[in-house]
């Protein structure tokens, strides 16, 4: 998987916190980890899995949250993250709208949200409309990975849900 264009979506600053909510750890997880390591940032993973697993050795500093049920929410502190990345979990979850509310709360102002799904499994227009409904602005489809459809939007300070 060529991740060069994917990595160009991110511009981490020193001390940034990103969280990836996913059902599997893959090359995108490792790429995010490496980007954040370069700026003394932190990657957290909310991993939806039936059996709790251990992290690969190269991700030893990642904060891992194991979640067994697709009806349970992930946990994240308010305004603690500069990026939320949903990978192959958003539409599998029993309550995607709950996930968006948690994402909105945990994101710092003007931070970004990304929803990635296996290519061809996401209704891109409906995803954009849902993001707008939850006060994420300028949703865009971005074609940077052959394996995934990707929609990115921004939480804007003082728009709709306010702080």
C-alpha atoms as a PDB file:
ATOM      1  CA  UNK A   1       0.000   0.000   0.000  1.00  0.00           C
ATOM      2  CA  UNK A   2       1.434   3.373  -1.035  1.00  0.00           C
ATOM      3  CA  UNK A   3       0.863   5.711   1.911  1.00  0.00           C
ATOM      4  CA  UNK A   4       2.676   8.811   0.650  1.00  0.00           C
ATOM      5  CA  UNK A   5      -0.488  10.744  -0.296  1.00  0.00           C
ATOM      6  CA  UNK A   6      -2.310   9.469   2.799  1.00  0.00           C
ATOM      7  CA  UNK A   7       0.466  10.813   5.039  1.00  0.00           C
ATOM      8  CA  UNK A   8       0.298  14.180   3.268  1.00  0.00           C
ATOM      9  CA  UNK A   9      -3.220  14.665   4.712  1.00  0.00           C
ATOM     10  CA  UNK A  10      -1.664  15.081   8.140  1.00  0.00           C
ATOM     11  CA  UNK A  11       0.428  17.935   9.454  1.00  0.00           C
ATOM     12  CA  UNK A  12       1.051  17.017  13.081  1.00  0.00           C
ATOM     13  CA  UNK A  13       2.435  19.659  15.384  1.00  0.00           C
ATOM     14  CA  UNK A  14       4.578  18.959  18.438  1.00  0.00           C
ATOM     15  CA  UNK A  15       2.559  17.183  21.089  1.00  0.00           C
ATOM     16  CA  UNK A  16      -0.483  16.448  18.878  1.00  0.00           C
ATOM     17  CA  UNK A  17      -2.799  13.608  19.861  1.00  0.00           C
ATOM     18  CA  UNK A  18      -4.516  11.459  17.224  1.00  0.00           C
ATOM     19  CA  UNK A  19      -6.959   8.617  17.826  1.00  0.00           C
ATOM     20  CA  UNK A  20      -7.725   5.866  15.313  1.00  0.00           C
ATOM     21  CA  UNK A  21     -10.949   3.947  15.900  1.00  0.00           C
ATOM     22  CA  UNK A  22     -10.726   0.712  13.931  1.00  0.00           C
ATOM     23  CA  UNK A  23     -11.299  -3.036  13.734  1.00  0.00           C
ATOM     24  CA  UNK A  24      -7.707  -3.816  12.712  1.00  0.00           C
ATOM     25  CA  UNK A  25      -4.202  -2.459  12.947  1.00  0.00           C
ATOM     26  CA  UNK A  26      -2.570  -2.055   9.537  1.00  0.00           C
ATOM     27  CA  UNK A  27      -0.123   0.084   7.581  1.00  0.00           C
ATOM     28  CA  UNK A  28      -2.231   3.220   8.082  1.00  0.00           C
ATOM     29  CA  UNK A  29      -1.927   2.799  11.855  1.00  0.00           C
ATOM     30  CA  UNK A  30       1.830   2.387  11.593  1.00  0.00           C
ATOM     31  CA  UNK A  31       2.124   5.429   9.307  1.00  0.00           C
ATOM     32  CA  UNK A  32       0.170   7.605  11.757  1.00  0.00           C
ATOM     33  CA  UNK A  33       2.346   6.381  14.610  1.00  0.00           C
ATOM     34  CA  UNK A  34       5.546   7.247  12.736  1.00  0.00           C
ATOM     35  CA  UNK A  35       4.255  10.727  11.820  1.00  0.00           C
ATOM     36  CA  UNK A  36       3.406  11.480  15.435  1.00  0.00           C
ATOM     37  CA  UNK A  37       6.680  10.066  16.747  1.00  0.00           C
ATOM     38  CA  UNK A  38       8.469  12.630  14.616  1.00  0.00           C
ATOM     39  CA  UNK A  39       6.816  15.489  16.541  1.00  0.00           C
ATOM     40  CA  UNK A  40       6.697  13.909  20.001  1.00  0.00           C
ATOM     41  CA  UNK A  41       2.974  13.319  19.513  1.00  0.00           C
ATOM     42  CA  UNK A  42       0.728  10.536  20.734  1.00  0.00           C
ATOM     43  CA  UNK A  43      -1.393   7.958  18.921  1.00  0.00           C
ATOM     44  CA  UNK A  44      -4.269   6.214  20.657  1.00  0.00           C
ATOM     45  CA  UNK A  45      -6.124   3.264  19.170  1.00  0.00           C
ATOM     46  CA  UNK A  46      -9.670   2.229  20.004  1.00  0.00           C
ATOM     47  CA  UNK A  47      -9.650  -1.318  18.657  1.00  0.00           C
ATOM     48  CA  UNK A  48     -12.975  -3.098  18.191  1.00  0.00           C
ATOM     49  CA  UNK A  49     -12.117  -6.781  18.520  1.00  0.00           C
ATOM     50  CA  UNK A  50     -13.772  -9.894  19.940  1.00  0.00           C
ATOM     51  CA  UNK A  51     -10.643 -11.110  21.728  1.00  0.00           C
ATOM     52  CA  UNK A  52      -8.217  -8.673  23.292  1.00  0.00           C
ATOM     53  CA  UNK A  53      -4.913  -8.698  21.443  1.00  0.00           C
ATOM     54  CA  UNK A  54      -1.498  -7.229  22.058  1.00  0.00           C
ATOM     55  CA  UNK A  55       0.053  -4.461  20.016  1.00  0.00           C
ATOM     56  CA  UNK A  56       2.813  -5.175  17.502  1.00  0.00           C
ATOM     57  CA  UNK A  57       6.239  -4.407  18.948  1.00  0.00           C
ATOM     58  CA  UNK A  58       6.739  -1.397  16.661  1.00  0.00           C
ATOM     59  CA  UNK A  59       3.636   0.257  18.218  1.00  0.00           C
ATOM     60  CA  UNK A  60       4.651  -0.289  21.831  1.00  0.00           C
ATOM     61  CA  UNK A  61       4.058   3.366  22.883  1.00  0.00           C
ATOM     62  CA  UNK A  62       0.496   3.497  21.537  1.00  0.00           C
ATOM     63  CA  UNK A  63      -2.357   3.826  24.018  1.00  0.00           C
ATOM     64  CA  UNK A  64      -4.654   0.875  23.271  1.00  0.00           C
ATOM     65  CA  UNK A  65      -8.308   0.678  24.196  1.00  0.00           C
ATOM     66  CA  UNK A  66      -9.852  -2.736  23.459  1.00  0.00           C
ATOM     67  CA  UNK A  67     -13.615  -2.756  22.843  1.00  0.00           C
ATOM     68  CA  UNK A  68     -15.408  -6.086  22.486  1.00  0.00           C
ATOM     69  CA  UNK A  69     -18.902  -5.016  21.343  1.00  0.00           C
ATOM     70  CA  UNK A  70     -19.897  -2.985  18.305  1.00  0.00           C
ATOM     71  CA  UNK A  71     -22.585  -1.343  20.425  1.00  0.00           C
ATOM     72  CA  UNK A  72     -20.091   0.120  22.911  1.00  0.00           C
ATOM     73  CA  UNK A  73     -18.612   3.585  22.435  1.00  0.00           C
ATOM     74  CA  UNK A  74     -14.916   4.387  22.474  1.00  0.00           C
ATOM     75  CA  UNK A  75     -13.594   6.558  25.285  1.00  0.00           C
ATOM     76  CA  UNK A  76     -11.788   9.843  24.793  1.00  0.00           C
ATOM     77  CA  UNK A  77     -11.352  12.941  26.916  1.00  0.00           C
ATOM     78  CA  UNK A  78     -12.931  16.254  25.847  1.00  0.00           C
ATOM     79  CA  UNK A  79     -10.749  18.341  23.507  1.00  0.00           C
ATOM     80  CA  UNK A  80      -7.918  15.837  23.859  1.00  0.00           C
ATOM     81  CA  UNK A  81      -7.440  14.941  20.187  1.00  0.00           C
ATOM     82  CA  UNK A  82      -6.290  16.861  17.141  1.00  0.00           C
ATOM     83  CA  UNK A  83      -7.482  14.187  14.715  1.00  0.00           C
ATOM     84  CA  UNK A  84     -10.066  11.393  14.857  1.00  0.00           C
ATOM     85  CA  UNK A  85      -9.753   8.659  12.248  1.00  0.00           C
ATOM     86  CA  UNK A  86     -12.500   6.041  11.870  1.00  0.00           C
ATOM     87  CA  UNK A  87     -11.202   3.109   9.819  1.00  0.00           C
ATOM     88  CA  UNK A  88     -13.638   0.344   8.808  1.00  0.00           C
ATOM     89  CA  UNK A  89     -15.701   0.739  11.977  1.00  0.00           C
ATOM     90  CA  UNK A  90     -18.040   3.681  11.473  1.00  0.00           C
ATOM     91  CA  UNK A  91     -20.752   1.841   9.552  1.00  0.00           C
ATOM     92  CA  UNK A  92     -20.248  -1.435  11.419  1.00  0.00           C
ATOM     93  CA  UNK A  93     -20.985   0.226  14.756  1.00  0.00           C
ATOM     94  CA  UNK A  94     -24.498  -0.094  16.166  1.00  0.00           C
ATOM     95  CA  UNK A  95     -24.736   3.681  16.660  1.00  0.00           C
ATOM     96  CA  UNK A  96     -22.597   5.744  14.247  1.00  0.00           C
ATOM     97  CA  UNK A  97     -24.246   8.967  15.442  1.00  0.00           C
ATOM     98  CA  UNK A  98     -22.976   8.314  18.985  1.00  0.00           C
ATOM     99  CA  UNK A  99     -19.474   7.938  17.544  1.00  0.00           C
ATOM    100  CA  UNK A 100     -19.791  11.345  15.860  1.00  0.00           C
ATOM    101  CA  UNK A 101     -20.918  12.979  19.109  1.00  0.00           C
ATOM    102  CA  UNK A 102     -17.927  11.524  20.960  1.00  0.00           C
ATOM    103  CA  UNK A 103     -15.608  12.584  18.124  1.00  0.00           C
ATOM    104  CA  UNK A 104     -16.969  16.133  18.231  1.00  0.00           C
ATOM    105  CA  UNK A 105     -16.400  16.324  21.991  1.00  0.00           C
ATOM    106  CA  UNK A 106     -12.867  14.918  21.939  1.00  0.00           C
ATOM    107  CA  UNK A 107     -11.645  17.059  19.054  1.00  0.00           C
ATOM    108  CA  UNK A 108      -9.898  20.340  19.658  1.00  0.00           C
ATOM    109  CA  UNK A 109     -11.346  23.311  17.781  1.00  0.00           C
ATOM    110  CA  UNK A 110     -10.532  23.373  14.054  1.00  0.00           C
ATOM    111  CA  UNK A 111      -9.415  19.736  14.256  1.00  0.00           C
ATOM    112  CA  UNK A 112     -10.208  17.130  11.594  1.00  0.00           C
ATOM    113  CA  UNK A 113     -12.215  13.940  11.391  1.00  0.00           C
ATOM    114  CA  UNK A 114     -11.647  11.216   8.811  1.00  0.00           C
ATOM    115  CA  UNK A 115     -13.957   8.335   7.958  1.00  0.00           C
ATOM    116  CA  UNK A 116     -12.284   5.558   5.942  1.00  0.00           C
ATOM    117  CA  UNK A 117     -14.066   2.448   4.693  1.00  0.00           C
ATOM    118  CA  UNK A 118     -13.044  -0.336   2.347  1.00  0.00           C
ATOM    119  CA  UNK A 119     -13.418   0.907  -1.233  1.00  0.00           C
ATOM    120  CA  UNK A 120     -17.028   0.734  -2.414  1.00  0.00           C
ATOM    121  CA  UNK A 121     -18.634   0.097   0.993  1.00  0.00           C
ATOM    122  CA  UNK A 122     -19.485   3.697   1.957  1.00  0.00           C
ATOM    123  CA  UNK A 123     -22.228   5.964   0.652  1.00  0.00           C
ATOM    124  CA  UNK A 124     -19.975   9.006   0.293  1.00  0.00           C
ATOM    125  CA  UNK A 125     -22.742  11.578  -0.190  1.00  0.00           C
ATOM    126  CA  UNK A 126     -24.693  10.275   2.831  1.00  0.00           C
ATOM    127  CA  UNK A 127     -21.485  10.363   4.889  1.00  0.00           C
ATOM    128  CA  UNK A 128     -20.862  13.993   3.937  1.00  0.00           C
ATOM    129  CA  UNK A 129     -24.448  14.905   4.852  1.00  0.00           C
ATOM    130  CA  UNK A 130     -24.164  13.115   8.209  1.00  0.00           C
ATOM    131  CA  UNK A 131     -20.938  14.954   9.007  1.00  0.00           C
ATOM    132  CA  UNK A 132     -22.626  18.282   8.202  1.00  0.00           C
ATOM    133  CA  UNK A 133     -25.588  17.339  10.409  1.00  0.00           C
ATOM    134  CA  UNK A 134     -23.164  16.887  13.321  1.00  0.00           C
ATOM    135  CA  UNK A 135     -21.505  20.254  12.689  1.00  0.00           C
ATOM    136  CA  UNK A 136     -18.392  19.049  10.861  1.00  0.00           C
ATOM    137  CA  UNK A 137     -17.698  21.459   8.027  1.00  0.00           C
ATOM    138  CA  UNK A 138     -16.276  21.227   4.510  1.00  0.00           C
ATOM    139  CA  UNK A 139     -16.570  17.436   4.152  1.00  0.00           C
ATOM    140  CA  UNK A 140     -14.565  16.218   1.171  1.00  0.00           C
ATOM    141  CA  UNK A 141     -13.999  12.897  -0.484  1.00  0.00           C
ATOM    142  CA  UNK A 142     -10.259  12.411  -0.872  1.00  0.00           C
ATOM    143  CA  UNK A 143      -8.920   9.698  -3.149  1.00  0.00           C
ATOM    144  CA  UNK A 144      -5.465   8.898  -1.749  1.00  0.00           C
ATOM    145  CA  UNK A 145      -5.643   5.133  -1.144  1.00  0.00           C
ATOM    146  CA  UNK A 146      -6.653   2.428  -3.606  1.00  0.00           C
ATOM    147  CA  UNK A 147      -8.013   0.278  -0.761  1.00  0.00           C
ATOM    148  CA  UNK A 148     -10.220   2.867   0.972  1.00  0.00           C
ATOM    149  CA  UNK A 149     -12.845   5.506   0.358  1.00  0.00           C
ATOM    150  CA  UNK A 150     -12.037   8.467   2.592  1.00  0.00           C
ATOM    151  CA  UNK A 151     -14.066  11.487   3.699  1.00  0.00           C
ATOM    152  CA  UNK A 152     -12.458  14.271   5.727  1.00  0.00           C
ATOM    153  CA  UNK A 153     -14.145  17.191   7.520  1.00  0.00           C
ATOM    154  CA  UNK A 154     -13.293  19.857  10.090  1.00  0.00           C
ATOM    155  CA  UNK A 155     -14.703  20.800  13.482  1.00  0.00           C
ATOM    156  CA  UNK A 156     -15.023  24.576  13.453  1.00  0.00           C
ATOM    157  CA  UNK A 157     -14.919  26.748  16.573  1.00  0.00           C
ATOM    158  CA  UNK A 158     -18.241  28.444  17.414  1.00  0.00           C
ATOM    159  CA  UNK A 159     -20.216  26.760  14.642  1.00  0.00           C
ATOM    160  CA  UNK A 160     -23.432  24.989  15.586  1.00  0.00           C
ATOM    161  CA  UNK A 161     -22.470  22.930  18.629  1.00  0.00           C
ATOM    162  CA  UNK A 162     -20.169  25.718  19.840  1.00  0.00           C
ATOM    163  CA  UNK A 163     -17.263  24.726  22.002  1.00  0.00           C
END
